[in-house]
Amino acid sequence: MSRRLATASLLACLLVAVLVAGARPAAAATVTIGSKDFTESVVLGEVARLAALERGVDARHRRSLGGTRILWRALLEGEIDAYPEYTGTIGHELLRDLPRDAGIGELRARLRALGIGIGEPLGFDNGYAIGMREETAARLGIADISGLAAHPSLHIALSNEFMDRADGWPGLKAAYGLPMEPRGMDHALAYRALASGAIDATDLYGTDAEIAYYDLRVLNDDRRYFPRYDAVYLYRIDLEQRAPGFVAALDGLAGSIPASRMRSMNKAVKIDGEAEEAVAARFLDVAHAGRAGPGLLDYTLQHLALVGISLALAVVLAVPLGVLAARRPRLGQVLLGLTGILQTVPSLALFVFMIPLFGIGAVPAIAALFLYSLLPIVRNTHAGLVGIEPALKESAAALGLPPGFRLRRVELPLALRSILAGVKIAAVVNVGTATLGALIGAGGFGQPILTGIRLDDLGLIMQGAVPAALLALAMQGLFEAIERVLTPRGLRLRAAS
C-alpha cells in the first residue's frame, strides 16, 4: 500500500513540476506596467507600453490586475513599475490627508518620499459622477445629485470600490444627505443593470463610452463634492536611473489626450470591439503588428498549476493534521475549528490578504487556494480514521503491531476512500475558486472571464467558464479513478456488498 502511495506521490510531483514549467512566464521585462480592471486603465497601460517600445525600452503590460489598492501595493512592493492613476484617487484614497485642492506639485513631493514618481497630467479629467437613464431622470425631474434625496425608494448600485472609498459613497451620502442603501456591483455590469431598468442610478467615470451609448444623464455635482481626477502615470522613482527612456516616454504623453479622444478610445474598445493594443497604436500613430495573447493551452496550464500546486501542498499538510486530530480528540476539535474558520473567509478577501506576503501573481493565489483546501482534507481524514470499526483496531493491536505500522498498513487503507473524497472535494472547489486569481495577476481561466465581463463579451466569458467546468468534471473523474486503483480489492468488494 505504501509503495502505491509513494508511486502516486512521485507522479503527482512530476506533474506539478511540468505544470509549473509550462506556466512560468517569459523572462522578466525591464519595465512592468500594470492596469486596473476597467477598459480605460487597460488602454492607458497599452499606450505606455507602446510608447516605451518606441523609445527602445523593453516593457510588458500586466492588465486588469484589480482595483486601486491592489495596484498601489504592487507598485510600492516593486511587483510593477508603473500604472495609470488619477489625481483625485491619489489625494483622497491613497494619501488621504492632503487638502482637497492639492496640486500636482504637492502630490509629487508626498509621493517622492514613498519612492514613487508622478507624471504630468495626460490632458483629461475622468472624474466620478452619478448617472441615470435619461428617461428616468426626466420623468422624476432629477438634474442634480441633490435631487436624489427626494426619492429614497430609488434602487442604486455602485461599483464595489466606490462603496468604500474615502472619496466615494460614504462622503457623498453625508454631503448630500442621501437616504438610500446601495448595493455593490461590478462597474461594467452596473451599466447593463442600469440600461435594463434593474437599477435606477450608478456611479460613472466621466470618459466612459457607455454614457452616450446608453443615453444616460450625468447628474450635476451641485455641491462640488467630487475633486478633479486628472489622469497621470505613477511610476517607481528608481526608473529614473534604471530605465530613463521609459520616464521620458511618459513625459512625452503629458497633455496629449483630451477627454474627447479618451472617450473615443474607450468606445472603440468597449462598444466597437477593437483590441486595446490596436487602439493605443492608432493613437500613437505607431506600427502595430498585433500581440498574440494567451490561448486556451496557456490558460489551462496556468489553471492546472494553481490547482495542482495548492492541492499537493494541502495534502502534504492536511493528511497528517487529520491523523493528529483523530489521535488527539481535544486537539482535533481545535484543528477542525481553525480550518473551518479559514473556509469562512471570503475568497477574494483571502486572495488580497496574501498580496502583502507574496506580492501579485500565482504565488499569493496558490497560498490562498492551499488554505481553502485544508478543511475538506483534514475533516475527511479525521472522519475516515474515527469511523473505522473498533473491532478492526483491536484486532490489529492484539496482533502486536506497532502503532506506526497499524496506521500505515491498516488504518490509512481503511480510511482511504474518505481521504480521497476530501481531496476530490478540495480539487473541484479549487478549480472554481482559482478563477478569482486573475484579479491579482495569477492568470488561468479567470482571465478571459474577467475580460469578457469588462468588455460585455459573452464569448470571452464562455472561453473561461466552459473549460473551468470541464476541468472540474475531469478532476472528479480523475480522483474517482485514483480511488479505484489505490483501494485494495478486498475493500472494494466489501464496499460493493
Protein backbone atom coordinates (compact mmCIF):
# COMPACT_ATOMS: atom_id res chain seq x y z
CA MET A 1 0.00 0.00 0.00
CA SER A 2 2.77 2.43 1.00
CA ARG A 3 4.56 1.62 -2.27
CA ARG A 4 1.44 2.60 -4.22
CA LEU A 5 1.12 5.82 -2.29
CA ALA A 6 4.78 6.63 -2.87
CA THR A 7 4.42 5.99 -6.60
CA ALA A 8 1.30 8.14 -6.80
CA SER A 9 3.03 10.94 -4.87
CA LEU A 10 6.03 10.81 -7.20
CA LEU A 11 3.79 11.02 -10.25
CA ALA A 12 1.92 13.94 -8.72
CA CYS A 13 5.18 15.80 -8.05
CA LEU A 14 6.35 15.23 -11.60
CA LEU A 15 3.02 16.51 -12.92
CA VAL A 16 3.25 19.62 -10.77
CA ALA A 17 6.82 20.25 -11.99
CA VAL A 18 5.69 20.02 -15.62
CA LEU A 19 2.78 22.37 -14.96
CA VAL A 20 4.97 24.93 -13.24
CA ALA A 21 7.46 24.85 -16.09
CA GLY A 22 4.69 25.31 -18.63
CA ALA A 23 3.03 28.09 -16.68
CA ARG A 24 6.20 30.03 -15.95
CA PRO A 25 6.17 33.39 -17.77
CA ALA A 26 8.84 34.51 -20.17
CA ALA A 27 11.93 36.26 -18.96
CA ALA A 28 11.18 39.33 -16.89
CA ALA A 29 10.82 42.58 -18.82
CA THR A 30 12.80 45.69 -17.93
CA VAL A 31 9.65 47.65 -17.11
CA THR A 32 6.36 46.13 -15.94
CA ILE A 33 3.25 48.25 -16.39
CA GLY A 34 0.04 47.42 -14.53
CA SER A 35 -3.55 48.44 -15.12
CA LYS A 36 -6.83 48.28 -13.23
CA ASP A 37 -9.76 46.11 -14.23
CA PHE A 38 -11.61 48.63 -16.40
CA THR A 39 -11.21 49.49 -20.07
CA GLU A 40 -9.66 52.96 -19.82
CA SER A 41 -6.92 51.79 -17.49
CA VAL A 42 -6.06 48.90 -19.83
CA VAL A 43 -5.94 51.27 -22.83
CA LEU A 44 -3.62 53.66 -20.97
CA GLY A 45 -1.45 50.72 -19.96
CA GLU A 46 -1.10 49.79 -23.63
CA VAL A 47 -0.35 53.42 -24.55
CA ALA A 48 2.51 53.43 -22.03
CA ARG A 49 3.81 50.06 -23.25
CA LEU A 50 3.87 51.04 -26.92
CA ALA A 51 5.34 54.47 -26.15
CA ALA A 52 8.13 52.73 -24.24
CA LEU A 53 8.78 50.30 -27.09
CA GLU A 54 9.07 53.23 -29.50
CA ARG A 55 11.91 54.56 -27.34
CA GLY A 56 13.66 51.19 -27.28
CA VAL A 57 12.57 50.29 -23.74
CA ASP A 58 11.59 46.66 -23.20
CA ALA A 59 8.20 46.76 -21.49
CA ARG A 60 5.32 44.45 -20.73
CA HIS A 61 1.79 45.12 -19.56
CA ARG A 62 0.07 43.12 -16.82
CA ARG A 63 -3.51 44.08 -17.49
CA SER A 64 -6.65 44.07 -15.33
CA LEU A 65 -4.90 43.37 -12.02
CA GLY A 66 -7.76 44.58 -9.85
CA GLY A 67 -8.67 47.76 -8.02
CA THR A 68 -6.74 50.75 -6.72
CA ARG A 69 -5.37 49.15 -3.56
CA ILE A 70 -4.02 46.11 -5.39
CA LEU A 71 -2.19 48.25 -7.96
CA TRP A 72 -0.90 50.69 -5.37
CA ARG A 73 0.51 47.94 -3.16
CA ALA A 74 2.02 46.20 -6.18
CA LEU A 75 3.76 49.47 -7.11
CA LEU A 76 5.11 50.02 -3.60
CA GLU A 77 6.34 46.42 -3.39
CA GLY A 78 8.03 46.58 -6.80
CA GLU A 79 5.76 43.95 -8.38
CA ILE A 80 5.02 46.51 -11.09
CA ASP A 81 6.95 49.62 -12.12
CA ALA A 82 4.15 51.92 -13.27
CA TYR A 83 0.39 52.20 -13.75
CA PRO A 84 -2.18 54.85 -14.75
CA GLU A 85 -3.92 56.62 -11.87
CA TYR A 86 -6.00 59.74 -11.17
CA THR A 87 -5.10 62.74 -9.02
CA GLY A 88 -8.34 62.63 -7.02
CA THR A 89 -7.72 59.00 -6.17
CA ILE A 90 -4.13 59.73 -5.15
CA GLY A 91 -5.05 62.63 -2.90
CA HIS A 92 -8.18 61.23 -1.28
CA GLU A 93 -7.78 57.45 -1.39
CA LEU A 94 -4.03 56.75 -1.30
CA LEU A 95 -2.56 59.69 0.63
CA ARG A 96 -5.84 60.83 2.21
CA ASP A 97 -4.61 63.68 4.42
CA LEU A 98 -3.90 66.15 1.61
CA PRO A 99 -6.04 69.27 1.19
CA ARG A 100 -8.87 68.99 -1.32
CA ASP A 101 -7.24 71.43 -3.76
CA ALA A 102 -3.73 69.88 -3.59
CA GLY A 103 -1.88 70.43 -6.87
CA ILE A 104 0.40 68.15 -8.83
CA GLY A 105 3.46 69.66 -7.11
CA GLU A 106 2.22 68.75 -3.65
CA LEU A 107 1.31 65.25 -4.81
CA ARG A 108 4.77 64.85 -6.34
CA ALA A 109 6.52 65.84 -3.10
CA ARG A 110 4.47 63.44 -0.98
CA LEU A 111 4.83 60.56 -3.42
CA ARG A 112 8.57 61.03 -3.83
CA ALA A 113 9.01 60.39 -0.12
CA LEU A 114 7.47 56.96 -0.76
CA GLY A 115 9.79 56.25 -3.68
CA ILE A 116 7.06 56.94 -6.25
CA GLY A 117 7.15 59.42 -9.14
CA ILE A 118 4.18 61.02 -10.88
CA GLY A 119 3.99 62.23 -14.46
CA GLU A 120 2.29 65.38 -15.67
CA PRO A 121 -1.48 65.12 -16.33
CA LEU A 122 -2.34 63.41 -19.62
CA GLY A 123 -4.92 66.02 -20.57
CA PHE A 124 -8.32 64.83 -19.34
CA ASP A 125 -10.30 64.72 -16.10
CA ASN A 126 -12.02 61.37 -15.59
CA GLY A 127 -13.96 62.34 -12.52
CA TYR A 128 -16.58 60.34 -10.72
CA ALA A 129 -20.22 61.17 -11.41
CA ILE A 130 -23.65 59.74 -10.73
CA GLY A 131 -25.79 58.80 -13.71
CA MET A 132 -29.33 57.73 -14.52
CA ARG A 133 -31.20 56.78 -17.66
CA GLU A 134 -32.33 59.96 -19.39
CA GLU A 135 -35.91 58.71 -19.44
CA THR A 136 -35.97 58.04 -15.68
CA ALA A 137 -34.24 61.29 -14.77
CA ALA A 138 -36.64 63.34 -16.96
CA ARG A 139 -39.72 61.59 -15.53
CA LEU A 140 -38.63 62.25 -11.94
CA GLY A 141 -37.26 65.72 -12.67
CA ILE A 142 -33.78 64.93 -11.36
CA ALA A 143 -30.94 67.02 -12.76
CA ASP A 144 -28.61 67.30 -9.74
CA ILE A 145 -27.26 64.78 -7.26
CA SER A 146 -29.13 66.63 -4.52
CA GLY A 147 -32.37 65.72 -6.31
CA LEU A 148 -31.86 62.06 -5.43
CA ALA A 149 -32.60 62.78 -1.77
CA ALA A 150 -36.29 63.34 -2.57
CA HIS A 151 -36.60 59.80 -3.94
CA PRO A 152 -35.45 57.40 -1.20
CA SER A 153 -37.03 54.39 -2.95
CA LEU A 154 -34.65 54.58 -5.93
CA HIS A 155 -32.58 51.44 -6.49
CA ILE A 156 -28.90 52.38 -6.58
CA ALA A 157 -25.97 50.07 -7.30
CA LEU A 158 -22.40 51.34 -7.08
CA SER A 159 -19.06 49.85 -8.06
CA ASN A 160 -17.61 47.86 -5.19
CA GLU A 161 -14.57 50.11 -4.89
CA PHE A 162 -16.67 53.30 -4.86
CA MET A 163 -18.74 51.90 -1.98
CA ASP A 164 -15.79 52.07 0.43
CA ARG A 165 -13.51 54.79 -0.96
CA ALA A 166 -12.74 57.87 1.12
CA ASP A 167 -13.93 59.96 -1.85
CA GLY A 168 -16.80 57.60 -2.66
CA TRP A 169 -20.22 56.75 -1.28
CA PRO A 170 -19.68 57.44 2.47
CA GLY A 171 -18.64 61.04 1.82
CA LEU A 172 -21.20 61.53 -0.98
CA LYS A 173 -24.01 60.27 1.25
CA ALA A 174 -23.01 62.65 4.03
CA ALA A 175 -22.54 65.64 1.69
CA TYR A 176 -25.97 65.26 0.07
CA GLY A 177 -27.93 63.62 2.87
CA LEU A 178 -28.85 60.65 0.67
CA PRO A 179 -31.09 58.11 2.44
CA MET A 180 -30.55 55.12 0.10
CA GLU A 181 -28.64 51.97 0.97
CA PRO A 182 -26.99 50.97 -2.33
CA ARG A 183 -25.62 47.55 -3.17
CA GLY A 184 -22.20 46.84 -4.61
CA MET A 185 -21.83 45.70 -8.22
CA ASP A 186 -19.11 45.35 -10.83
CA HIS A 187 -18.76 48.62 -12.74
CA ALA A 188 -19.31 47.07 -16.17
CA LEU A 189 -22.31 45.03 -15.00
CA ALA A 190 -23.86 48.10 -13.39
CA TYR A 191 -24.20 49.71 -16.84
CA ARG A 192 -26.13 46.71 -18.10
CA ALA A 193 -28.34 46.74 -15.00
CA LEU A 194 -28.99 50.46 -15.48
CA ALA A 195 -29.89 50.02 -19.15
CA SER A 196 -32.27 47.16 -18.37
CA GLY A 197 -34.05 49.10 -15.61
CA ALA A 198 -32.91 46.76 -12.84
CA ILE A 199 -31.36 49.77 -11.06
CA ASP A 200 -32.07 53.50 -11.25
CA ALA A 201 -28.64 55.07 -10.72
CA THR A 202 -24.96 54.17 -10.51
CA ASP A 203 -21.53 55.79 -10.36
CA LEU A 204 -19.89 56.70 -13.67
CA TYR A 205 -16.46 57.67 -14.90
CA GLY A 206 -16.57 60.92 -16.87
CA THR A 207 -14.96 59.45 -20.00
CA ASP A 208 -16.96 56.21 -20.11
CA ALA A 209 -18.20 55.40 -23.61
CA GLU A 210 -21.38 53.87 -22.17
CA ILE A 211 -22.73 57.28 -21.12
CA ALA A 212 -23.62 58.20 -24.69
CA TYR A 213 -24.26 54.61 -25.79
CA TYR A 214 -26.96 54.04 -23.16
CA ASP A 215 -28.30 57.63 -23.30
CA LEU A 216 -27.53 58.40 -19.67
CA ARG A 217 -27.92 61.68 -17.85
CA VAL A 218 -24.88 62.70 -15.78
CA LEU A 219 -26.26 64.40 -12.68
CA ASN A 220 -24.78 67.77 -11.80
CA ASP A 221 -22.50 67.71 -8.75
CA ASP A 222 -24.19 70.82 -7.40
CA ARG A 223 -22.38 70.76 -4.05
CA ARG A 224 -18.99 70.17 -5.72
CA TYR A 225 -18.25 67.05 -3.74
CA PHE A 226 -16.04 65.25 -6.26
CA PRO A 227 -12.47 66.53 -6.74
CA ARG A 228 -10.68 66.55 -10.10
CA TYR A 229 -9.43 63.21 -11.34
CA ASP A 230 -6.73 64.17 -13.83
CA ALA A 231 -5.19 61.09 -15.42
CA VAL A 232 -1.48 60.59 -14.69
CA TYR A 233 1.07 57.79 -14.61
CA LEU A 234 2.61 56.70 -11.32
CA TYR A 235 5.99 55.02 -11.50
CA ARG A 236 8.80 53.89 -9.24
CA ILE A 237 11.47 56.54 -8.75
CA ASP A 238 14.28 54.10 -9.45
CA LEU A 239 13.18 54.02 -13.10
CA GLU A 240 14.81 57.44 -13.49
CA GLN A 241 18.16 55.61 -13.27
CA ARG A 242 17.15 52.08 -14.31
CA ALA A 243 15.05 52.99 -17.36
CA PRO A 244 15.24 56.74 -18.07
CA GLY A 245 13.85 56.16 -21.55
CA PHE A 246 10.60 54.93 -20.03
CA VAL A 247 10.25 58.02 -17.85
CA ALA A 248 10.93 60.13 -20.95
CA ALA A 249 8.19 58.22 -22.79
CA LEU A 250 5.72 59.03 -20.01
CA ASP A 251 6.78 62.68 -20.05
CA GLY A 252 6.12 62.74 -23.78
CA LEU A 253 2.50 61.73 -23.20
CA ALA A 254 1.74 64.71 -20.94
CA GLY A 255 -1.21 66.78 -22.19
CA SER A 256 -1.65 64.62 -25.27
CA ILE A 257 -5.03 63.01 -24.53
CA PRO A 258 -8.08 65.32 -24.42
CA ALA A 259 -11.27 63.96 -22.87
CA SER A 260 -12.94 63.58 -26.29
CA ARG A 261 -10.05 61.42 -27.52
CA MET A 262 -10.15 59.24 -24.41
CA ARG A 263 -13.90 58.74 -24.81
CA SER A 264 -13.42 57.72 -28.43
CA MET A 265 -10.70 55.23 -27.47
CA ASN A 266 -12.92 53.76 -24.77
CA LYS A 267 -15.75 53.47 -27.29
CA ALA A 268 -13.53 51.76 -29.83
CA VAL A 269 -12.71 49.04 -27.30
CA LYS A 270 -15.90 48.70 -25.28
CA ILE A 271 -18.55 49.34 -27.94
CA ASP A 272 -16.84 48.60 -31.26
CA GLY A 273 -14.89 45.58 -30.03
CA GLU A 274 -11.37 46.66 -31.07
CA ALA A 275 -8.31 45.38 -29.21
CA GLU A 276 -6.78 47.76 -26.68
CA GLU A 277 -3.34 47.49 -28.24
CA ALA A 278 -4.71 48.38 -31.69
CA VAL A 279 -6.50 51.44 -30.30
CA ALA A 280 -3.35 52.55 -28.44
CA ALA A 281 -1.20 52.06 -31.56
CA ARG A 282 -3.58 54.20 -33.64
CA PHE A 283 -3.48 56.95 -31.02
CA LEU A 284 0.33 56.95 -31.01
CA ASP A 285 0.46 56.53 -34.79
CA VAL A 286 2.90 53.66 -34.49
CA ALA A 287 3.09 50.37 -36.33
CA HIS A 288 1.13 47.62 -34.69
CA ALA A 289 1.97 44.03 -35.51
CA GLY A 290 -0.59 42.61 -33.12
CA ARG A 291 0.01 40.85 -29.85
CA ALA A 292 -0.51 37.13 -29.50
CA GLY A 293 -2.37 36.81 -26.23
CA PRO A 294 -2.56 33.66 -24.13
CA GLY A 295 -4.51 30.83 -25.74
CA LEU A 296 -6.55 28.01 -24.29
CA LEU A 297 -3.45 25.89 -23.67
CA ASP A 298 -1.77 28.73 -21.74
CA TYR A 299 -4.85 29.32 -19.60
CA THR A 300 -5.19 25.59 -18.96
CA LEU A 301 -1.57 25.20 -17.86
CA GLN A 302 -1.82 28.25 -15.62
CA HIS A 303 -5.04 27.00 -14.05
CA LEU A 304 -3.70 23.49 -13.56
CA ALA A 305 -0.59 24.90 -11.90
CA LEU A 306 -2.69 26.94 -9.46
CA VAL A 307 -4.88 23.98 -8.55
CA GLY A 308 -2.18 21.28 -8.70
CA ILE A 309 0.45 23.01 -6.57
CA SER A 310 -2.00 24.26 -3.93
CA LEU A 311 -3.68 20.84 -3.71
CA ALA A 312 -0.36 18.94 -3.44
CA LEU A 313 0.81 21.22 -0.63
CA ALA A 314 -2.53 20.87 1.14
CA VAL A 315 -2.42 17.07 1.00
CA VAL A 316 1.09 17.05 2.49
CA LEU A 317 -0.09 19.10 5.50
CA ALA A 318 -3.78 18.22 5.84
CA VAL A 319 -3.49 14.42 5.99
CA PRO A 320 -1.07 14.49 8.97
CA LEU A 321 -3.29 17.10 10.64
CA GLY A 322 -6.29 14.81 10.13
CA VAL A 323 -4.36 11.90 11.66
CA LEU A 324 -3.39 14.11 14.61
CA ALA A 325 -7.00 15.22 15.03
CA ALA A 326 -8.17 11.60 15.13
CA ARG A 327 -5.49 10.56 17.66
CA ARG A 328 -5.95 13.60 19.93
CA PRO A 329 -9.71 14.34 20.14
CA ARG A 330 -9.41 17.60 22.09
CA LEU A 331 -6.69 18.96 19.85
CA GLY A 332 -8.68 17.64 16.89
CA GLN A 333 -11.62 19.89 17.69
CA VAL A 334 -9.29 22.89 17.72
CA LEU A 335 -7.73 21.91 14.39
CA LEU A 336 -11.13 21.35 12.76
CA GLY A 337 -12.32 24.68 14.13
CA LEU A 338 -9.31 26.58 12.80
CA THR A 339 -9.55 25.07 9.32
CA GLY A 340 -13.28 25.75 9.38
CA ILE A 341 -12.64 29.43 10.14
CA LEU A 342 -10.34 29.65 7.11
CA GLN A 343 -13.19 28.34 4.97
CA THR A 344 -15.47 31.18 6.08
CA VAL A 345 -13.12 33.94 4.83
CA PRO A 346 -14.50 35.30 1.53
CA SER A 347 -12.44 34.07 -1.40
CA LEU A 348 -11.47 37.44 -2.84
CA ALA A 349 -10.56 38.78 0.61
CA LEU A 350 -8.22 35.84 1.20
CA PHE A 351 -6.54 36.43 -2.17
CA VAL A 352 -5.99 40.09 -1.31
CA PHE A 353 -4.71 39.23 2.19
CA MET A 354 -1.90 37.26 0.56
CA ILE A 355 -0.60 40.21 -1.51
CA PRO A 356 1.43 41.85 1.32
CA LEU A 357 3.14 38.49 1.94
CA PHE A 358 3.72 37.28 -1.61
CA GLY A 359 3.05 40.19 -3.99
CA ILE A 360 0.82 39.65 -7.01
CA GLY A 361 0.70 36.74 -9.43
CA ALA A 362 0.49 33.00 -8.96
CA VAL A 363 2.15 32.69 -5.54
CA PRO A 364 -0.49 34.53 -3.45
CA ALA A 365 -3.24 32.72 -5.37
CA ILE A 366 -1.62 29.35 -4.62
CA ALA A 367 -1.29 30.31 -0.94
CA ALA A 368 -4.98 31.22 -0.73
CA LEU A 369 -6.08 28.05 -2.54
CA PHE A 370 -3.84 25.98 -0.25
CA LEU A 371 -5.64 27.36 2.82
CA TYR A 372 -9.04 26.71 1.26
CA SER A 373 -8.05 23.08 0.57
CA LEU A 374 -7.24 22.22 4.16
CA LEU A 375 -10.72 21.84 5.65
CA PRO A 376 -12.18 19.11 3.40
CA ILE A 377 -8.99 17.03 3.53
CA VAL A 378 -8.46 17.40 7.30
CA ARG A 379 -12.12 16.72 8.05
CA ASN A 380 -12.38 13.69 5.77
CA THR A 381 -9.11 12.21 7.04
CA HIS A 382 -10.35 12.63 10.61
CA ALA A 383 -13.77 11.19 9.76
CA GLY A 384 -12.27 8.22 7.92
CA LEU A 385 -9.99 7.28 10.82
CA VAL A 386 -12.50 7.69 13.64
CA GLY A 387 -15.09 5.80 11.58
CA ILE A 388 -13.05 2.58 11.49
CA GLU A 389 -14.78 -0.20 13.38
CA PRO A 390 -13.25 -0.59 16.86
CA ALA A 391 -13.05 -4.36 16.39
CA LEU A 392 -10.64 -3.95 13.49
CA LYS A 393 -8.39 -1.66 15.52
CA GLU A 394 -8.47 -4.05 18.46
CA SER A 395 -7.56 -6.98 16.22
CA ALA A 396 -4.54 -5.13 14.86
CA ALA A 397 -3.44 -4.20 18.39
CA ALA A 398 -3.93 -7.80 19.58
CA LEU A 399 -1.54 -8.97 16.88
CA GLY A 400 1.13 -6.80 18.49
CA LEU A 401 1.53 -4.47 15.50
CA PRO A 402 3.36 -1.22 16.32
CA PRO A 403 1.21 1.97 16.20
CA GLY A 404 3.02 3.35 13.16
CA PHE A 405 2.66 0.09 11.27
CA ARG A 406 -1.04 -0.11 12.17
CA LEU A 407 -1.54 3.43 10.87
CA ARG A 408 0.23 2.79 7.56
CA ARG A 409 -0.99 -0.73 6.84
CA VAL A 410 -4.42 -0.88 8.47
CA GLU A 411 -5.99 2.45 9.39
CA LEU A 412 -4.98 4.63 6.42
CA PRO A 413 -6.00 1.97 3.84
CA LEU A 414 -9.38 1.63 5.58
CA ALA A 415 -9.81 5.44 5.63
CA LEU A 416 -8.50 5.91 2.10
CA ARG A 417 -11.91 6.31 0.44
CA SER A 418 -12.83 9.07 2.86
CA ILE A 419 -9.44 10.80 2.47
CA LEU A 420 -9.63 10.73 -1.32
CA ALA A 421 -13.18 12.07 -1.16
CA GLY A 422 -11.85 15.08 0.76
CA VAL A 423 -9.05 15.61 -1.76
CA LYS A 424 -11.59 15.38 -4.59
CA ILE A 425 -13.83 17.98 -2.96
CA ALA A 426 -10.86 20.31 -2.45
CA ALA A 427 -9.76 19.86 -6.07
CA VAL A 428 -13.18 20.59 -7.55
CA VAL A 429 -13.72 23.63 -5.31
CA ASN A 430 -10.24 24.94 -6.13
CA VAL A 431 -10.91 24.80 -9.87
CA GLY A 432 -13.75 27.28 -9.44
CA THR A 433 -12.09 29.46 -6.79
CA ALA A 434 -8.88 29.71 -8.84
CA THR A 435 -10.71 31.83 -11.42
CA LEU A 436 -10.53 34.70 -8.91
CA GLY A 437 -6.75 34.53 -9.13
CA ALA A 438 -6.93 36.55 -12.35
CA LEU A 439 -7.81 39.58 -10.21
CA ILE A 440 -4.28 39.56 -8.79
CA GLY A 441 -2.44 38.61 -11.96
CA ALA A 442 -2.38 34.82 -11.49
CA GLY A 443 -3.84 34.05 -14.94
CA GLY A 444 -5.86 30.91 -15.56
CA PHE A 445 -9.42 30.62 -16.81
CA GLY A 446 -10.42 33.67 -14.78
CA GLN A 447 -8.57 35.94 -17.22
CA PRO A 448 -10.95 35.54 -20.19
CA ILE A 449 -13.91 35.59 -17.78
CA LEU A 450 -12.90 38.94 -16.30
CA THR A 451 -12.04 40.38 -19.70
CA GLY A 452 -15.40 39.23 -21.04
CA ILE A 453 -17.21 40.90 -18.14
CA ARG A 454 -15.24 44.12 -18.69
CA LEU A 455 -15.95 44.14 -22.44
CA ASP A 456 -19.50 42.75 -22.14
CA ASP A 457 -18.44 39.85 -24.37
CA LEU A 458 -20.30 36.62 -23.67
CA GLY A 459 -17.97 34.68 -25.95
CA LEU A 460 -14.92 35.60 -23.88
CA ILE A 461 -16.75 34.73 -20.66
CA MET A 462 -17.58 31.30 -22.04
CA GLN A 463 -13.94 30.78 -23.10
CA GLY A 464 -13.08 30.71 -19.42
CA ALA A 465 -16.26 29.37 -17.85
CA VAL A 466 -16.71 26.27 -20.04
CA PRO A 467 -13.12 24.95 -19.70
CA ALA A 468 -13.27 25.59 -15.94
CA ALA A 469 -16.44 23.50 -15.68
CA LEU A 470 -14.94 20.74 -17.82
CA LEU A 471 -11.77 20.76 -15.71
CA ALA A 472 -13.84 20.38 -12.54
CA LEU A 473 -15.57 17.34 -14.04
CA ALA A 474 -12.21 15.93 -15.14
CA MET A 475 -10.82 16.36 -11.64
CA GLN A 476 -13.76 14.50 -10.18
CA GLY A 477 -13.31 11.63 -12.65
CA LEU A 478 -9.54 11.54 -12.06
CA PHE A 479 -9.84 11.11 -8.31
CA GLU A 480 -12.55 8.50 -8.67
CA ALA A 481 -10.14 6.54 -10.90
CA ILE A 482 -7.30 7.02 -8.39
CA GLU A 483 -9.61 5.74 -5.65
CA ARG A 484 -10.32 2.56 -7.62
CA VAL A 485 -6.61 1.98 -8.27
CA LEU A 486 -5.41 2.60 -4.71
CA THR A 487 -8.23 0.87 -2.81
CA PRO A 488 -7.32 -2.79 -2.15
CA ARG A 489 -9.55 -5.29 -3.96
CA GLY A 490 -10.86 -6.72 -0.71
CA LEU A 491 -12.07 -3.32 0.49
CA ARG A 492 -13.68 -2.64 -2.90
CA LEU A 493 -15.58 -5.92 -2.71
CA ARG A 494 -16.61 -5.20 0.87
CA ALA A 495 -17.89 -1.73 -0.08
CA ALA A 496 -19.79 -3.15 -3.04
CA SER A 497 -21.50 -5.74 -0.85
